[in-house]
């Protein structure tokens, strides 16, 4: 499962982008 997840670079990149956009917003509002 984890290996399949790590192979899916597109999914991994999408998650990292989502986190990068969500983190500053949460810190600002929090």
N, C-alpha and C. Protein backbone atom coordinates (compact mmCIF):
# COMPACT_ATOMS: atom_id res chain seq x y z
N UNK A 1 0.83 -1.20 0.00
CA UNK A 1 0.00 0.00 0.00
C UNK A 1 0.87 1.26 0.00
N UNK A 2 1.83 1.30 0.93
CA UNK A 2 2.69 2.48 1.00
C UNK A 2 3.55 2.59 -0.25
N UNK A 3 4.04 1.44 -0.75
CA UNK A 3 4.86 1.46 -1.95
C UNK A 3 4.09 2.00 -3.14
N UNK A 4 2.84 1.58 -3.27
CA UNK A 4 2.00 2.05 -4.36
C UNK A 4 1.77 3.55 -4.23
N UNK A 5 1.60 4.01 -2.99
CA UNK A 5 1.37 5.43 -2.74
C UNK A 5 2.60 6.24 -3.13
N UNK A 6 3.78 5.74 -2.75
CA UNK A 6 5.01 6.47 -3.04
C UNK A 6 5.31 6.49 -4.53
N UNK A 7 4.86 5.44 -5.25
CA UNK A 7 5.10 5.42 -6.70
C UNK A 7 4.21 6.43 -7.41
N UNK A 8 3.09 6.78 -6.81
CA UNK A 8 2.16 7.70 -7.45
C UNK A 8 2.63 9.13 -7.21
N UNK A 9 3.62 9.56 -8.01
CA UNK A 9 4.21 10.89 -7.81
C UNK A 9 3.18 12.00 -7.99
N UNK A 10 2.27 11.83 -8.94
CA UNK A 10 1.26 12.87 -9.18
C UNK A 10 0.41 13.07 -7.93
N UNK A 11 0.01 11.96 -7.32
CA UNK A 11 -0.81 12.04 -6.11
C UNK A 11 0.01 12.67 -4.98
N UNK A 12 1.27 12.25 -4.86
CA UNK A 12 2.14 12.77 -3.82
C UNK A 12 2.34 14.27 -4.00
N UNK A 13 2.60 14.70 -5.23
CA UNK A 13 2.79 16.13 -5.50
C UNK A 13 1.52 16.91 -5.18
N UNK A 14 0.37 16.35 -5.53
CA UNK A 14 -0.90 17.03 -5.26
C UNK A 14 -1.11 17.21 -3.76
N UNK A 15 -0.75 16.18 -2.99
CA UNK A 15 -0.90 16.27 -1.53
C UNK A 15 0.04 17.33 -0.97
N UNK A 16 1.28 17.35 -1.44
CA UNK A 16 2.24 18.33 -0.95
C UNK A 16 1.78 19.74 -1.28
N UNK A 17 1.23 19.94 -2.48
CA UNK A 17 0.73 21.25 -2.89
C UNK A 17 -0.43 21.66 -1.99
N UNK A 18 -1.33 20.71 -1.73
CA UNK A 18 -2.49 21.01 -0.88
C UNK A 18 -2.03 21.39 0.53
N UNK A 19 -1.05 20.68 1.06
CA UNK A 19 -0.52 20.99 2.39
C UNK A 19 0.15 22.36 2.38
N UNK A 20 0.93 22.63 1.35
CA UNK A 20 1.63 23.91 1.25
C UNK A 20 0.66 25.08 1.23
N UNK A 21 -0.49 24.88 0.58
CA UNK A 21 -1.50 25.95 0.52
C UNK A 21 -2.30 26.04 1.81
N UNK A 22 -2.49 24.91 2.47
CA UNK A 22 -3.34 24.88 3.67
C UNK A 22 -2.59 25.33 4.92
N UNK A 23 -1.32 25.00 5.04
CA UNK A 23 -0.56 25.32 6.25
C UNK A 23 -0.55 26.81 6.58
N UNK A 24 -0.11 27.68 5.68
CA UNK A 24 -0.05 29.12 6.01
C UNK A 24 -1.42 29.67 6.38
N UNK A 25 -2.46 29.17 5.73
CA UNK A 25 -3.81 29.65 6.01
C UNK A 25 -4.21 29.29 7.44
N UNK A 26 -3.88 28.07 7.84
CA UNK A 26 -4.24 27.60 9.18
C UNK A 26 -3.46 28.39 10.24
N UNK A 27 -2.19 28.66 9.96
CA UNK A 27 -1.35 29.40 10.91
C UNK A 27 -1.87 30.84 11.04
N UNK A 28 -2.27 31.42 9.92
CA UNK A 28 -2.75 32.80 9.93
C UNK A 28 -4.07 32.92 10.70
N UNK A 29 -4.99 32.01 10.43
CA UNK A 29 -6.31 32.07 11.07
C UNK A 29 -6.21 31.61 12.52
N UNK A 30 -5.26 30.72 12.81
CA UNK A 30 -5.13 30.19 14.15
C UNK A 30 -4.39 31.15 15.05
